[in-house]
């Protein structure tokens, strides 16, 4: 994206945990705009569901830097959790049992189906039940389940 003078525009972002902007979670600088008149930034930090977060952005070119935007907010909401086969918003042994019943006993399918796909390989099968059981009984709580993502290390 360019300004009226033909200078390339880049964007800076800040993400805060609180409305007073005392807890900076993450920031990014010098990101180029996307197609059209949009821009965006995907944070690396794992955000907590149902929590509110606050952000600011500004635009700049090689010669001038605009002001930070007014503080805006958003809340993290997920349609489903990978591995939450029974849809109760928690990951536990009941999810593994639910997936096994679906696969082997003709029980109800996870709703949505992606919720039963614990290893996020695009299918709900025995590998998902095994994945859940390892997650639960190996007590590796350094991992977390996210919408549409494989289990990822927490930082």
C-alpha atoms as a PDB file:
ATOM      1  CA  UNK A   1       0.000   0.000   0.000  1.00  0.00           C
ATOM      2  CA  UNK A   2       1.146   3.495  -0.765  1.00  0.00           C
ATOM      3  CA  UNK A   3       0.228   6.956   0.412  1.00  0.00           C
ATOM      4  CA  UNK A   4      -0.712   9.850  -1.911  1.00  0.00           C
ATOM      5  CA  UNK A   5       2.972  10.617  -2.474  1.00  0.00           C
ATOM      6  CA  UNK A   6       3.770   7.046  -3.540  1.00  0.00           C
ATOM      7  CA  UNK A   7       5.588   6.156  -0.327  1.00  0.00           C
ATOM      8  CA  UNK A   8       5.178   2.588   0.928  1.00  0.00           C
ATOM      9  CA  UNK A   9       3.049   2.386   4.055  1.00  0.00           C
ATOM     10  CA  UNK A  10       3.775   0.027   6.918  1.00  0.00           C
ATOM     11  CA  UNK A  11       1.871  -0.608  10.120  1.00  0.00           C
ATOM     12  CA  UNK A  12       2.736  -1.039  13.781  1.00  0.00           C
ATOM     13  CA  UNK A  13       0.517  -2.879  16.271  1.00  0.00           C
ATOM     14  CA  UNK A  14       0.328  -3.266  20.038  1.00  0.00           C
ATOM     15  CA  UNK A  15      -1.782  -5.776  21.964  1.00  0.00           C
ATOM     16  CA  UNK A  16      -2.543  -5.238  25.651  1.00  0.00           C
ATOM     17  CA  UNK A  17      -4.057  -7.346  28.387  1.00  0.00           C
ATOM     18  CA  UNK A  18      -5.758  -4.395  30.058  1.00  0.00           C
ATOM     19  CA  UNK A  19      -7.614  -1.212  29.177  1.00  0.00           C
ATOM     20  CA  UNK A  20      -5.001   0.887  31.013  1.00  0.00           C
ATOM     21  CA  UNK A  21      -2.322  -0.391  28.601  1.00  0.00           C
ATOM     22  CA  UNK A  22       0.007  -1.429  31.422  1.00  0.00           C
ATOM     23  CA  UNK A  23       0.443  -5.061  30.312  1.00  0.00           C
ATOM     24  CA  UNK A  24       1.810  -5.244  26.761  1.00  0.00           C
ATOM     25  CA  UNK A  25       1.277  -8.772  25.441  1.00  0.00           C
ATOM     26  CA  UNK A  26       2.854  -8.430  22.034  1.00  0.00           C
ATOM     27  CA  UNK A  27       3.773  -5.871  19.420  1.00  0.00           C
ATOM     28  CA  UNK A  28       4.743  -5.857  15.772  1.00  0.00           C
ATOM     29  CA  UNK A  29       6.349  -3.152  13.655  1.00  0.00           C
ATOM     30  CA  UNK A  30       6.781  -2.458   9.986  1.00  0.00           C
ATOM     31  CA  UNK A  31       4.130  -4.838   8.649  1.00  0.00           C
ATOM     32  CA  UNK A  32       3.036  -4.214   5.089  1.00  0.00           C
ATOM     33  CA  UNK A  33      -0.595  -3.760   4.190  1.00  0.00           C
ATOM     34  CA  UNK A  34      -2.599  -6.489   2.545  1.00  0.00           C
ATOM     35  CA  UNK A  35      -4.551  -6.339  -0.707  1.00  0.00           C
ATOM     36  CA  UNK A  36      -7.131  -3.605  -0.982  1.00  0.00           C
ATOM     37  CA  UNK A  37      -7.317  -1.199   1.908  1.00  0.00           C
ATOM     38  CA  UNK A  38      -6.948  -3.753   4.665  1.00  0.00           C
ATOM     39  CA  UNK A  39      -4.206  -4.727   6.980  1.00  0.00           C
ATOM     40  CA  UNK A  40      -3.923  -7.244   9.774  1.00  0.00           C
ATOM     41  CA  UNK A  41      -1.683  -9.019  12.197  1.00  0.00           C
ATOM     42  CA  UNK A  42      -1.858 -12.495  13.686  1.00  0.00           C
ATOM     43  CA  UNK A  43      -0.364 -12.638  17.156  1.00  0.00           C
ATOM     44  CA  UNK A  44       1.929 -15.474  18.202  1.00  0.00           C
ATOM     45  CA  UNK A  45       0.808 -15.381  21.820  1.00  0.00           C
ATOM     46  CA  UNK A  46      -1.882 -17.883  22.778  1.00  0.00           C
ATOM     47  CA  UNK A  47      -4.923 -15.864  23.836  1.00  0.00           C
ATOM     48  CA  UNK A  48      -7.435 -17.057  26.409  1.00  0.00           C
ATOM     49  CA  UNK A  49     -11.010 -17.750  25.361  1.00  0.00           C
ATOM     50  CA  UNK A  50     -13.650 -15.351  26.715  1.00  0.00           C
ATOM     51  CA  UNK A  51     -10.995 -12.819  27.721  1.00  0.00           C
ATOM     52  CA  UNK A  52     -10.989  -9.234  26.530  1.00  0.00           C
ATOM     53  CA  UNK A  53      -7.917  -7.744  24.863  1.00  0.00           C
ATOM     54  CA  UNK A  54      -7.033  -4.217  23.730  1.00  0.00           C
ATOM     55  CA  UNK A  55      -5.091  -3.065  20.702  1.00  0.00           C
ATOM     56  CA  UNK A  56      -3.745  -0.040  18.868  1.00  0.00           C
ATOM     57  CA  UNK A  57      -2.318   0.501  15.407  1.00  0.00           C
ATOM     58  CA  UNK A  58      -0.543   3.226  13.543  1.00  0.00           C
ATOM     59  CA  UNK A  59       0.608   3.803   9.997  1.00  0.00           C
ATOM     60  CA  UNK A  60       3.902   5.204   8.814  1.00  0.00           C
ATOM     61  CA  UNK A  61       6.093   5.653   5.794  1.00  0.00           C
ATOM     62  CA  UNK A  62       9.810   6.348   5.532  1.00  0.00           C
ATOM     63  CA  UNK A  63       9.281  10.030   6.383  1.00  0.00           C
ATOM     64  CA  UNK A  64       6.332  10.346   8.749  1.00  0.00           C
ATOM     65  CA  UNK A  65       4.695   8.344  11.520  1.00  0.00           C
ATOM     66  CA  UNK A  66       1.008   8.710  12.253  1.00  0.00           C
ATOM     67  CA  UNK A  67      -0.447   8.723  15.760  1.00  0.00           C
ATOM     68  CA  UNK A  68      -1.506   5.553  17.559  1.00  0.00           C
ATOM     69  CA  UNK A  69      -5.167   4.768  16.997  1.00  0.00           C
ATOM     70  CA  UNK A  70      -7.686   4.997  19.778  1.00  0.00           C
ATOM     71  CA  UNK A  71      -7.687   1.893  21.904  1.00  0.00           C
ATOM     72  CA  UNK A  72      -9.974  -0.807  20.502  1.00  0.00           C
ATOM     73  CA  UNK A  73     -10.971  -4.106  22.060  1.00  0.00           C
ATOM     74  CA  UNK A  74     -12.033  -7.621  21.182  1.00  0.00           C
ATOM     75  CA  UNK A  75     -12.951 -10.833  22.968  1.00  0.00           C
ATOM     76  CA  UNK A  76     -11.645 -14.245  21.972  1.00  0.00           C
ATOM     77  CA  UNK A  77     -14.414 -16.646  21.022  1.00  0.00           C
ATOM     78  CA  UNK A  78     -14.037 -20.109  19.536  1.00  0.00           C
ATOM     79  CA  UNK A  79     -16.608 -22.065  17.593  1.00  0.00           C
ATOM     80  CA  UNK A  80     -15.067 -25.292  18.859  1.00  0.00           C
ATOM     81  CA  UNK A  81     -11.967 -26.747  20.493  1.00  0.00           C
ATOM     82  CA  UNK A  82     -10.035 -29.430  18.649  1.00  0.00           C
ATOM     83  CA  UNK A  83     -10.340 -32.481  20.851  1.00  0.00           C
ATOM     84  CA  UNK A  84     -13.599 -31.460  22.519  1.00  0.00           C
ATOM     85  CA  UNK A  85     -15.565 -34.340  21.019  1.00  0.00           C
ATOM     86  CA  UNK A  86     -18.600 -34.011  23.263  1.00  0.00           C
ATOM     87  CA  UNK A  87     -18.779 -30.221  22.967  1.00  0.00           C
ATOM     88  CA  UNK A  88     -18.695 -29.372  26.687  1.00  0.00           C
ATOM     89  CA  UNK A  89     -15.823 -26.843  26.232  1.00  0.00           C
ATOM     90  CA  UNK A  90     -13.347 -28.918  28.271  1.00  0.00           C
ATOM     91  CA  UNK A  91     -10.791 -31.483  27.167  1.00  0.00           C
ATOM     92  CA  UNK A  92     -11.015 -34.638  29.274  1.00  0.00           C
ATOM     93  CA  UNK A  93     -11.446 -38.408  29.137  1.00  0.00           C
ATOM     94  CA  UNK A  94     -15.135 -38.037  28.247  1.00  0.00           C
ATOM     95  CA  UNK A  95     -14.024 -36.637  24.871  1.00  0.00           C
ATOM     96  CA  UNK A  96     -11.915 -39.703  24.127  1.00  0.00           C
ATOM     97  CA  UNK A  97     -14.819 -41.975  25.072  1.00  0.00           C
ATOM     98  CA  UNK A  98     -17.192 -39.897  22.932  1.00  0.00           C
ATOM     99  CA  UNK A  99     -14.906 -40.231  19.889  1.00  0.00           C
ATOM    100  CA  UNK A 100     -14.490 -43.992  20.453  1.00  0.00           C
ATOM    101  CA  UNK A 101     -18.280 -44.412  20.698  1.00  0.00           C
ATOM    102  CA  UNK A 102     -18.710 -42.441  17.482  1.00  0.00           C
ATOM    103  CA  UNK A 103     -16.126 -44.500  15.610  1.00  0.00           C
ATOM    104  CA  UNK A 104     -16.871 -48.007  16.867  1.00  0.00           C
ATOM    105  CA  UNK A 105     -20.435 -47.991  18.222  1.00  0.00           C
ATOM    106  CA  UNK A 106     -22.243 -45.647  15.849  1.00  0.00           C
ATOM    107  CA  UNK A 107     -22.711 -43.031  18.549  1.00  0.00           C
ATOM    108  CA  UNK A 108     -23.481 -39.413  17.730  1.00  0.00           C
ATOM    109  CA  UNK A 109     -20.879 -37.474  15.772  1.00  0.00           C
ATOM    110  CA  UNK A 110     -19.043 -34.587  17.406  1.00  0.00           C
ATOM    111  CA  UNK A 111     -20.811 -31.314  16.686  1.00  0.00           C
ATOM    112  CA  UNK A 112     -19.128 -29.738  14.881  1.00  0.00           C
ATOM    113  CA  UNK A 113     -17.223 -32.711  13.525  1.00  0.00           C
ATOM    114  CA  UNK A 114     -13.943 -30.757  13.719  1.00  0.00           C
ATOM    115  CA  UNK A 115     -14.267 -30.761  17.511  1.00  0.00           C
ATOM    116  CA  UNK A 116     -13.521 -34.492  17.551  1.00  0.00           C
ATOM    117  CA  UNK A 117     -10.405 -34.078  15.403  1.00  0.00           C
ATOM    118  CA  UNK A 118      -7.929 -33.799  18.284  1.00  0.00           C
ATOM    119  CA  UNK A 119      -4.818 -34.154  16.139  1.00  0.00           C
ATOM    120  CA  UNK A 120      -6.199 -31.833  13.434  1.00  0.00           C
ATOM    121  CA  UNK A 121      -5.443 -34.136  10.522  1.00  0.00           C
ATOM    122  CA  UNK A 122      -8.827 -33.539   8.913  1.00  0.00           C
ATOM    123  CA  UNK A 123     -10.449 -36.818  10.019  1.00  0.00           C
ATOM    124  CA  UNK A 124     -12.101 -38.099  13.175  1.00  0.00           C
ATOM    125  CA  UNK A 125     -10.695 -41.538  13.857  1.00  0.00           C
ATOM    126  CA  UNK A 126      -8.929 -43.704  16.428  1.00  0.00           C
ATOM    127  CA  UNK A 127      -5.805 -41.544  16.196  1.00  0.00           C
ATOM    128  CA  UNK A 128      -7.802 -38.701  17.766  1.00  0.00           C
ATOM    129  CA  UNK A 129      -8.864 -40.837  20.734  1.00  0.00           C
ATOM    130  CA  UNK A 130      -5.244 -41.953  21.234  1.00  0.00           C
ATOM    131  CA  UNK A 131      -4.093 -38.351  20.959  1.00  0.00           C
ATOM    132  CA  UNK A 132      -6.572 -37.289  23.648  1.00  0.00           C
ATOM    133  CA  UNK A 133      -5.667 -40.139  25.984  1.00  0.00           C
ATOM    134  CA  UNK A 134      -1.963 -39.287  25.687  1.00  0.00           C
ATOM    135  CA  UNK A 135      -2.756 -35.639  26.332  1.00  0.00           C
ATOM    136  CA  UNK A 136      -4.812 -36.450  29.422  1.00  0.00           C
ATOM    137  CA  UNK A 137      -2.827 -39.256  31.049  1.00  0.00           C
ATOM    138  CA  UNK A 138       0.691 -38.157  30.229  1.00  0.00           C
ATOM    139  CA  UNK A 139      -0.229 -34.925  32.040  1.00  0.00           C
ATOM    140  CA  UNK A 140       1.667 -32.814  29.538  1.00  0.00           C
ATOM    141  CA  UNK A 141      -0.058 -29.572  30.439  1.00  0.00           C
ATOM    142  CA  UNK A 142       2.533 -27.543  28.531  1.00  0.00           C
ATOM    143  CA  UNK A 143       0.281 -28.173  25.529  1.00  0.00           C
ATOM    144  CA  UNK A 144      -2.993 -26.530  24.743  1.00  0.00           C
ATOM    145  CA  UNK A 145      -5.796 -27.236  22.281  1.00  0.00           C
ATOM    146  CA  UNK A 146      -6.866 -24.493  19.882  1.00  0.00           C
ATOM    147  CA  UNK A 147      -9.497 -24.049  17.249  1.00  0.00           C
ATOM    148  CA  UNK A 148      -8.204 -25.472  13.992  1.00  0.00           C
ATOM    149  CA  UNK A 149      -4.674 -25.971  15.242  1.00  0.00           C
ATOM    150  CA  UNK A 150      -2.639 -28.918  16.393  1.00  0.00           C
ATOM    151  CA  UNK A 151      -1.561 -29.000  20.004  1.00  0.00           C
ATOM    152  CA  UNK A 152       1.049 -26.265  20.304  1.00  0.00           C
ATOM    153  CA  UNK A 153       3.675 -25.509  22.897  1.00  0.00           C
ATOM    154  CA  UNK A 154       2.788 -22.752  25.283  1.00  0.00           C
ATOM    155  CA  UNK A 155       5.430 -20.069  25.614  1.00  0.00           C
END
